[in-house]
């Protein structure tokens, strides 16, 4: 089973990288872009396990290592 984990900064946390990209896009003429938030995508191959096992493992992985839950939020999907 494969999984994709998306980690982003919480809305209450400033995103200087996102701001820099938004400013660059505006300079390139994309003035309609109202907000840019930067995150990371982590792809995992979990082997031959059930969806319930995968969900439980992914929560533990995200809470313990993949996301800093003080400033980041995460979501994942099974593929």
PDB file of N, CA and C in Angstrom:
ATOM      1  N   UNK A   1       0.845  -1.173   0.000  1.00  0.00           N
ATOM      2  CA  UNK A   1       0.000   0.000   0.000  1.00  0.00           C
ATOM      3  C   UNK A   1       0.892   1.238   0.000  1.00  0.00           C
ATOM      4  N   UNK A   2       0.486   2.202  -0.786  1.00  0.00           N
ATOM      5  CA  UNK A   2       1.238   3.450  -0.875  1.00  0.00           C
ATOM      6  C   UNK A   2       0.446   4.566  -0.206  1.00  0.00           C
ATOM      7  N   UNK A   3       1.184   5.558   0.289  1.00  0.00           N
ATOM      8  CA  UNK A   3       0.544   6.690   0.954  1.00  0.00           C
ATOM      9  C   UNK A   3       1.253   7.972   0.550  1.00  0.00           C
ATOM     10  N   UNK A   4       0.487   9.046   0.555  1.00  0.00           N
ATOM     11  CA  UNK A   4       1.037  10.387   0.353  1.00  0.00           C
ATOM     12  C   UNK A   4       0.692  11.200   1.591  1.00  0.00           C
ATOM     13  N   UNK A   5       1.725  11.829   2.168  1.00  0.00           N
ATOM     14  CA  UNK A   5       1.545  12.664   3.350  1.00  0.00           C
ATOM     15  C   UNK A   5       1.840  14.101   2.941  1.00  0.00           C
ATOM     16  N   UNK A   6       0.918  14.992   3.252  1.00  0.00           N
ATOM     17  CA  UNK A   6       1.073  16.417   2.954  1.00  0.00           C
ATOM     18  C   UNK A   6       1.262  17.159   4.267  1.00  0.00           C
ATOM     19  N   UNK A   7       2.361  17.902   4.382  1.00  0.00           N
ATOM     20  CA  UNK A   7       2.664  18.651   5.597  1.00  0.00           C
ATOM     21  C   UNK A   7       2.758  20.126   5.226  1.00  0.00           C
ATOM     22  N   UNK A   8       2.003  20.962   5.939  1.00  0.00           N
ATOM     23  CA  UNK A   8       2.020  22.406   5.690  1.00  0.00           C
ATOM     24  C   UNK A   8       2.060  23.148   7.016  1.00  0.00           C
ATOM     25  N   UNK A   9       2.495  24.394   6.949  1.00  0.00           N
ATOM     26  CA  UNK A   9       2.463  25.230   8.140  1.00  0.00           C
ATOM     27  C   UNK A   9       1.013  25.528   8.505  1.00  0.00           C
ATOM     28  N   UNK A  10       0.748  25.637   9.793  1.00  0.00           N
ATOM     29  CA  UNK A  10      -0.581  26.038  10.230  1.00  0.00           C
ATOM     30  C   UNK A  10      -0.860  27.450   9.739  1.00  0.00           C
ATOM     31  N   UNK A  11      -2.124  27.765   9.546  1.00  0.00           N
ATOM     32  CA  UNK A  11      -2.509  29.090   9.039  1.00  0.00           C
ATOM     33  C   UNK A  11      -2.007  30.215   9.941  1.00  0.00           C
ATOM     34  N   UNK A  12      -1.876  29.957  11.234  1.00  0.00           N
ATOM     35  CA  UNK A  12      -1.451  30.988  12.172  1.00  0.00           C
ATOM     36  C   UNK A  12       0.056  31.241  12.146  1.00  0.00           C
ATOM     37  N   UNK A  13       0.796  30.432  11.393  1.00  0.00           N
ATOM     38  CA  UNK A  13       2.254  30.552  11.306  1.00  0.00           C
ATOM     39  C   UNK A  13       2.618  31.277  10.012  1.00  0.00           C
ATOM     40  N   UNK A  14       3.475  32.282  10.123  1.00  0.00           N
ATOM     41  CA  UNK A  14       3.926  33.020   8.934  1.00  0.00           C
ATOM     42  C   UNK A  14       4.695  32.082   8.003  1.00  0.00           C
ATOM     43  N   UNK A  15       4.552  32.306   6.704  1.00  0.00           N
ATOM     44  CA  UNK A  15       5.210  31.478   5.696  1.00  0.00           C
ATOM     45  C   UNK A  15       6.078  32.366   4.802  1.00  0.00           C
ATOM     46  N   UNK A  16       7.314  32.670   5.222  1.00  0.00           N
ATOM     47  CA  UNK A  16       8.156  33.565   4.434  1.00  0.00           C
ATOM     48  C   UNK A  16       8.474  33.034   3.037  1.00  0.00           C
ATOM     49  N   UNK A  17       8.615  31.719   2.881  1.00  0.00           N
ATOM     50  CA  UNK A  17       8.853  31.156   1.548  1.00  0.00           C
ATOM     51  C   UNK A  17       7.648  31.386   0.652  1.00  0.00           C
ATOM     52  N   UNK A  18       6.476  31.162   1.190  1.00  0.00           N
ATOM     53  CA  UNK A  18       5.259  31.395   0.423  1.00  0.00           C
ATOM     54  C   UNK A  18       5.133  32.846   0.015  1.00  0.00           C
ATOM     55  N   UNK A  19       5.464  33.765   0.936  1.00  0.00           N
ATOM     56  CA  UNK A  19       5.412  35.196   0.622  1.00  0.00           C
ATOM     57  C   UNK A  19       6.394  35.561  -0.481  1.00  0.00           C
ATOM     58  N   UNK A  20       7.597  34.989  -0.434  1.00  0.00           N
ATOM     59  CA  UNK A  20       8.603  35.278  -1.459  1.00  0.00           C
ATOM     60  C   UNK A  20       8.135  34.796  -2.830  1.00  0.00           C
ATOM     61  N   UNK A  21       7.536  33.622  -2.875  1.00  0.00           N
ATOM     62  CA  UNK A  21       7.038  33.097  -4.151  1.00  0.00           C
ATOM     63  C   UNK A  21       5.864  33.932  -4.642  1.00  0.00           C
ATOM     64  N   UNK A  22       4.985  34.326  -3.742  1.00  0.00           N
ATOM     65  CA  UNK A  22       3.858  35.163  -4.139  1.00  0.00           C
ATOM     66  C   UNK A  22       4.358  36.481  -4.732  1.00  0.00           C
ATOM     67  N   UNK A  23       5.336  37.102  -4.099  1.00  0.00           N
ATOM     68  CA  UNK A  23       5.895  38.349  -4.624  1.00  0.00           C
ATOM     69  C   UNK A  23       6.535  38.143  -5.993  1.00  0.00           C
ATOM     70  N   UNK A  24       7.252  37.037  -6.154  1.00  0.00           N
ATOM     71  CA  UNK A  24       7.878  36.746  -7.445  1.00  0.00           C
ATOM     72  C   UNK A  24       6.823  36.526  -8.526  1.00  0.00           C
ATOM     73  N   UNK A  25       5.751  35.823  -8.179  1.00  0.00           N
ATOM     74  CA  UNK A  25       4.681  35.595  -9.148  1.00  0.00           C
ATOM     75  C   UNK A  25       4.023  36.916  -9.553  1.00  0.00           C
ATOM     76  N   UNK A  26       3.842  37.798  -8.601  1.00  0.00           N
ATOM     77  CA  UNK A  26       3.259  39.111  -8.918  1.00  0.00           C
ATOM     78  C   UNK A  26       4.167  39.883  -9.868  1.00  0.00           C
ATOM     79  N   UNK A  27       5.459  39.823  -9.646  1.00  0.00           N
ATOM     80  CA  UNK A  27       6.409  40.510 -10.528  1.00  0.00           C
ATOM     81  C   UNK A  27       6.371  39.937 -11.938  1.00  0.00           C
ATOM     82  N   UNK A  28       6.007  38.656 -12.037  1.00  0.00           N
ATOM     83  CA  UNK A  28       5.887  38.010 -13.351  1.00  0.00           C
ATOM     84  C   UNK A  28       4.524  38.253 -13.992  1.00  0.00           C
ATOM     85  N   UNK A  29       3.677  39.010 -13.302  1.00  0.00           N
ATOM     86  CA  UNK A  29       2.382  39.359 -13.884  1.00  0.00           C
ATOM     87  C   UNK A  29       1.199  38.571 -13.358  1.00  0.00           C
ATOM     88  N   UNK A  30       1.420  37.658 -12.427  1.00  0.00           N
ATOM     89  CA  UNK A  30       0.329  36.857 -11.876  1.00  0.00           C
ATOM     90  C   UNK A  30      -0.232  37.555 -10.636  1.00  0.00           C
ATOM     91  N   UNK A  31      -0.884  38.677 -10.874  1.00  0.00           N
ATOM     92  CA  UNK A  31      -1.362  39.512  -9.775  1.00  0.00           C
ATOM     93  C   UNK A  31      -2.609  38.961  -9.099  1.00  0.00           C
ATOM     94  N   UNK A  32      -3.235  37.967  -9.689  1.00  0.00           N
ATOM     95  CA  UNK A  32      -4.440  37.374  -9.107  1.00  0.00           C
ATOM     96  C   UNK A  32      -4.133  36.359  -8.000  1.00  0.00           C
ATOM     97  N   UNK A  33      -2.877  35.977  -7.833  1.00  0.00           N
ATOM     98  CA  UNK A  33      -2.521  35.010  -6.790  1.00  0.00           C
ATOM     99  C   UNK A  33      -2.627  35.712  -5.437  1.00  0.00           C
ATOM    100  N   UNK A  34      -3.563  35.273  -4.619  1.00  0.00           N
ATOM    101  CA  UNK A  34      -3.844  35.944  -3.355  1.00  0.00           C
ATOM    102  C   UNK A  34      -3.032  35.413  -2.182  1.00  0.00           C
ATOM    103  N   UNK A  35      -2.620  34.146  -2.236  1.00  0.00           N
ATOM    104  CA  UNK A  35      -1.844  33.575  -1.140  1.00  0.00           C
ATOM    105  C   UNK A  35      -1.065  32.374  -1.655  1.00  0.00           C
ATOM    106  N   UNK A  36       0.145  32.192  -1.131  1.00  0.00           N
ATOM    107  CA  UNK A  36       0.959  31.023  -1.441  1.00  0.00           C
ATOM    108  C   UNK A  36       1.445  30.451  -0.108  1.00  0.00           C
ATOM    109  N   UNK A  37       1.233  29.162   0.083  1.00  0.00           N
ATOM    110  CA  UNK A  37       1.724  28.459   1.261  1.00  0.00           C
ATOM    111  C   UNK A  37       2.601  27.316   0.765  1.00  0.00           C
ATOM    112  N   UNK A  38       3.763  27.168   1.355  1.00  0.00           N
ATOM    113  CA  UNK A  38       4.699  26.120   0.962  1.00  0.00           C
ATOM    114  C   UNK A  38       4.557  24.936   1.917  1.00  0.00           C
ATOM    115  N   UNK A  39       4.653  23.747   1.382  1.00  0.00           N
ATOM    116  CA  UNK A  39       4.582  22.545   2.194  1.00  0.00           C
ATOM    117  C   UNK A  39       5.492  21.479   1.620  1.00  0.00           C
ATOM    118  N   UNK A  40       5.316  20.283   2.121  1.00  0.00           N
ATOM    119  CA  UNK A  40       6.101  19.172   1.600  1.00  0.00           C
ATOM    120  C   UNK A  40       5.192  17.971   1.370  1.00  0.00           C
ATOM    121  N   UNK A  41       5.578  17.173   0.400  1.00  0.00           N
ATOM    122  CA  UNK A  41       4.881  15.937   0.068  1.00  0.00           C
ATOM    123  C   UNK A  41       5.834  14.798   0.353  1.00  0.00           C
ATOM    124  N   UNK A  42       5.369  13.834   1.112  1.00  0.00           N
ATOM    125  CA  UNK A  42       6.171  12.651   1.439  1.00  0.00           C
ATOM    126  C   UNK A  42       5.421  11.437   0.911  1.00  0.00           C
ATOM    127  N   UNK A  43       6.064  10.668   0.041  1.00  0.00           N
ATOM    128  CA  UNK A  43       5.451   9.460  -0.505  1.00  0.00           C
ATOM    129  C   UNK A  43       6.069   8.251   0.184  1.00  0.00           C
ATOM    130  N   UNK A  44       5.209   7.341   0.627  1.00  0.00           N
ATOM    131  CA  UNK A  44       5.653   6.158   1.357  1.00  0.00           C
ATOM    132  C   UNK A  44       5.091   4.901   0.720  1.00  0.00           C
ATOM    133  N   UNK A  45       5.892   3.853   0.680  1.00  0.00           N
ATOM    134  CA  UNK A  45       5.404   2.524   0.309  1.00  0.00           C
ATOM    135  C   UNK A  45       5.378   1.716   1.597  1.00  0.00           C
ATOM    136  N   UNK A  46       4.191   1.388   2.055  1.00  0.00           N
ATOM    137  CA  UNK A  46       4.017   0.732   3.344  1.00  0.00           C
ATOM    138  C   UNK A  46       3.969  -0.784   3.249  1.00  0.00           C
ATOM    139  N   UNK A  47       4.169  -1.315   2.084  1.00  0.00           N
ATOM    140  CA  UNK A  47       4.139  -2.757   1.926  1.00  0.00           C
ATOM    141  C   UNK A  47       2.716  -3.294   1.939  1.00  0.00           C
ATOM    142  N   UNK A  48       2.599  -4.561   2.281  1.00  0.00           N
ATOM    143  CA  UNK A  48       1.307  -5.263   2.212  1.00  0.00           C
ATOM    144  C   UNK A  48       0.622  -5.226   3.575  1.00  0.00           C
ATOM    145  N   UNK A  49      -0.061  -4.113   3.870  1.00  0.00           N
ATOM    146  CA  UNK A  49      -0.806  -3.988   5.119  1.00  0.00           C
ATOM    147  C   UNK A  49      -2.217  -3.512   4.810  1.00  0.00           C
ATOM    148  N   UNK A  50      -3.092  -3.625   5.785  1.00  0.00           N
ATOM    149  CA  UNK A  50      -4.476  -3.201   5.592  1.00  0.00           C
ATOM    150  C   UNK A  50      -4.578  -1.675   5.687  1.00  0.00           C
ATOM    151  N   UNK A  51      -5.687  -1.143   5.233  1.00  0.00           N
ATOM    152  CA  UNK A  51      -5.913   0.297   5.307  1.00  0.00           C
ATOM    153  C   UNK A  51      -5.959   0.768   6.760  1.00  0.00           C
ATOM    154  N   UNK A  52      -6.561  -0.027   7.647  1.00  0.00           N
ATOM    155  CA  UNK A  52      -6.606   0.349   9.061  1.00  0.00           C
ATOM    156  C   UNK A  52      -5.205   0.397   9.666  1.00  0.00           C
ATOM    157  N   UNK A  53      -4.376  -0.589   9.349  1.00  0.00           N
ATOM    158  CA  UNK A  53      -2.994  -0.595   9.838  1.00  0.00           C
ATOM    159  C   UNK A  53      -2.223   0.600   9.283  1.00  0.00           C
ATOM    160  N   UNK A  54      -2.430   0.885   8.007  1.00  0.00           N
ATOM    161  CA  UNK A  54      -1.748   2.007   7.374  1.00  0.00           C
ATOM    162  C   UNK A  54      -2.140   3.323   8.034  1.00  0.00           C
ATOM    163  N   UNK A  55      -3.441   3.515   8.269  1.00  0.00           N
ATOM    164  CA  UNK A  55      -3.903   4.742   8.923  1.00  0.00           C
ATOM    165  C   UNK A  55      -3.266   4.898  10.301  1.00  0.00           C
ATOM    166  N   UNK A  56      -3.251   3.841  11.082  1.00  0.00           N
ATOM    167  CA  UNK A  56      -2.680   3.898  12.421  1.00  0.00           C
ATOM    168  C   UNK A  56      -1.187   4.216  12.368  1.00  0.00           C
ATOM    169  N   UNK A  57      -0.472   3.567  11.467  1.00  0.00           N
ATOM    170  CA  UNK A  57       0.967   3.822  11.329  1.00  0.00           C
ATOM    171  C   UNK A  57       1.242   5.239  10.866  1.00  0.00           C
ATOM    172  N   UNK A  58       0.458   5.713   9.922  1.00  0.00           N
ATOM    173  CA  UNK A  58       0.687   7.061   9.387  1.00  0.00           C
ATOM    174  C   UNK A  58       0.463   8.140  10.445  1.00  0.00           C
ATOM    175  N   UNK A  59      -0.543   7.965  11.261  1.00  0.00           N
ATOM    176  CA  UNK A  59      -0.763   8.932  12.344  1.00  0.00           C
ATOM    177  C   UNK A  59       0.452   8.948  13.268  1.00  0.00           C
ATOM    178  N   UNK A  60       0.937   7.782  13.652  1.00  0.00           N
ATOM    179  CA  UNK A  60       2.111   7.713  14.530  1.00  0.00           C
ATOM    180  C   UNK A  60       3.339   8.306  13.859  1.00  0.00           C
ATOM    181  N   UNK A  61       3.538   8.020  12.569  1.00  0.00           N
ATOM    182  CA  UNK A  61       4.686   8.567  11.841  1.00  0.00           C
ATOM    183  C   UNK A  61       4.626  10.092  11.790  1.00  0.00           C
ATOM    184  N   UNK A  62       3.454  10.600  11.470  1.00  0.00           N
ATOM    185  CA  UNK A  62       3.296  12.057  11.348  1.00  0.00           C
ATOM    186  C   UNK A  62       3.460  12.742  12.701  1.00  0.00           C
ATOM    187  N   UNK A  63       2.838  12.198  13.712  1.00  0.00           N
ATOM    188  CA  UNK A  63       2.910  12.799  15.045  1.00  0.00           C
ATOM    189  C   UNK A  63       4.326  12.699  15.625  1.00  0.00           C
ATOM    190  N   UNK A  64       5.049  11.626  15.283  1.00  0.00           N
ATOM    191  CA  UNK A  64       6.352  11.392  15.887  1.00  0.00           C
ATOM    192  C   UNK A  64       7.536  11.926  15.116  1.00  0.00           C
ATOM    193  N   UNK A  65       7.414  12.074  13.780  1.00  0.00           N
ATOM    194  CA  UNK A  65       8.588  12.428  12.990  1.00  0.00           C
ATOM    195  C   UNK A  65       8.301  13.328  11.796  1.00  0.00           C
ATOM    196  N   UNK A  66       7.307  13.007  11.024  1.00  0.00           N
ATOM    197  CA  UNK A  66       7.134  13.665   9.728  1.00  0.00           C
ATOM    198  C   UNK A  66       6.624  15.103   9.811  1.00  0.00           C
ATOM    199  N   UNK A  67       5.913  15.435  10.891  1.00  0.00           N
ATOM    200  CA  UNK A  67       5.380  16.792  11.038  1.00  0.00           C
ATOM    201  C   UNK A  67       5.705  17.313  12.433  1.00  0.00           C
ATOM    202  N   UNK A  68       6.019  18.585  12.497  1.00  0.00           N
ATOM    203  CA  UNK A  68       6.176  19.262  13.785  1.00  0.00           C
ATOM    204  C   UNK A  68       4.803  19.828  14.126  1.00  0.00           C
ATOM    205  N   UNK A  69       4.045  19.095  14.915  1.00  0.00           N
ATOM    206  CA  UNK A  69       2.640  19.432  15.123  1.00  0.00           C
ATOM    207  C   UNK A  69       2.425  20.724  15.923  1.00  0.00           C
ATOM    208  N   UNK A  70       3.489  21.312  16.424  1.00  0.00           N
ATOM    209  CA  UNK A  70       3.373  22.607  17.084  1.00  0.00           C
ATOM    210  C   UNK A  70       3.088  23.690  16.041  1.00  0.00           C
ATOM    211  N   UNK A  71       3.753  23.589  14.885  1.00  0.00           N
ATOM    212  CA  UNK A  71       3.613  24.621  13.855  1.00  0.00           C
ATOM    213  C   UNK A  71       3.081  24.093  12.525  1.00  0.00           C
ATOM    214  N   UNK A  72       2.982  22.783  12.385  1.00  0.00           N
ATOM    215  CA  UNK A  72       2.558  22.203  11.110  1.00  0.00           C
ATOM    216  C   UNK A  72       1.308  21.356  11.299  1.00  0.00           C
ATOM    217  N   UNK A  73       0.578  21.222  10.203  1.00  0.00           N
ATOM    218  CA  UNK A  73      -0.540  20.288  10.156  1.00  0.00           C
ATOM    219  C   UNK A  73      -0.275  19.305   9.026  1.00  0.00           C
ATOM    220  N   UNK A  74      -0.916  18.171   9.091  1.00  0.00           N
ATOM    221  CA  UNK A  74      -0.698  17.149   8.074  1.00  0.00           C
ATOM    222  C   UNK A  74      -2.014  16.490   7.697  1.00  0.00           C
ATOM    223  N   UNK A  75      -1.980  15.914   6.525  1.00  0.00           N
ATOM    224  CA  UNK A  75      -3.059  15.039   6.082  1.00  0.00           C
ATOM    225  C   UNK A  75      -2.409  13.987   5.207  1.00  0.00           C
ATOM    226  N   UNK A  76      -3.070  12.872   5.062  1.00  0.00           N
ATOM    227  CA  UNK A  76      -2.514  11.825   4.210  1.00  0.00           C
ATOM    228  C   UNK A  76      -3.623  11.125   3.460  1.00  0.00           C
ATOM    229  N   UNK A  77      -3.211  10.470   2.394  1.00  0.00           N
ATOM    230  CA  UNK A  77      -4.148   9.668   1.601  1.00  0.00           C
ATOM    231  C   UNK A  77      -3.480   8.364   1.241  1.00  0.00           C
ATOM    232  N   UNK A  78      -4.263   7.335   1.184  1.00  0.00           N
ATOM    233  CA  UNK A  78      -3.772   6.032   0.755  1.00  0.00           C
ATOM    234  C   UNK A  78      -4.029   5.882  -0.722  1.00  0.00           C
ATOM    235  N   UNK A  79      -3.058   5.341  -1.429  1.00  0.00           N
ATOM    236  CA  UNK A  79      -3.155   5.215  -2.884  1.00  0.00           C
ATOM    237  C   UNK A  79      -3.237   3.759  -3.282  1.00  0.00           C
TER     238      UNK A  79
END
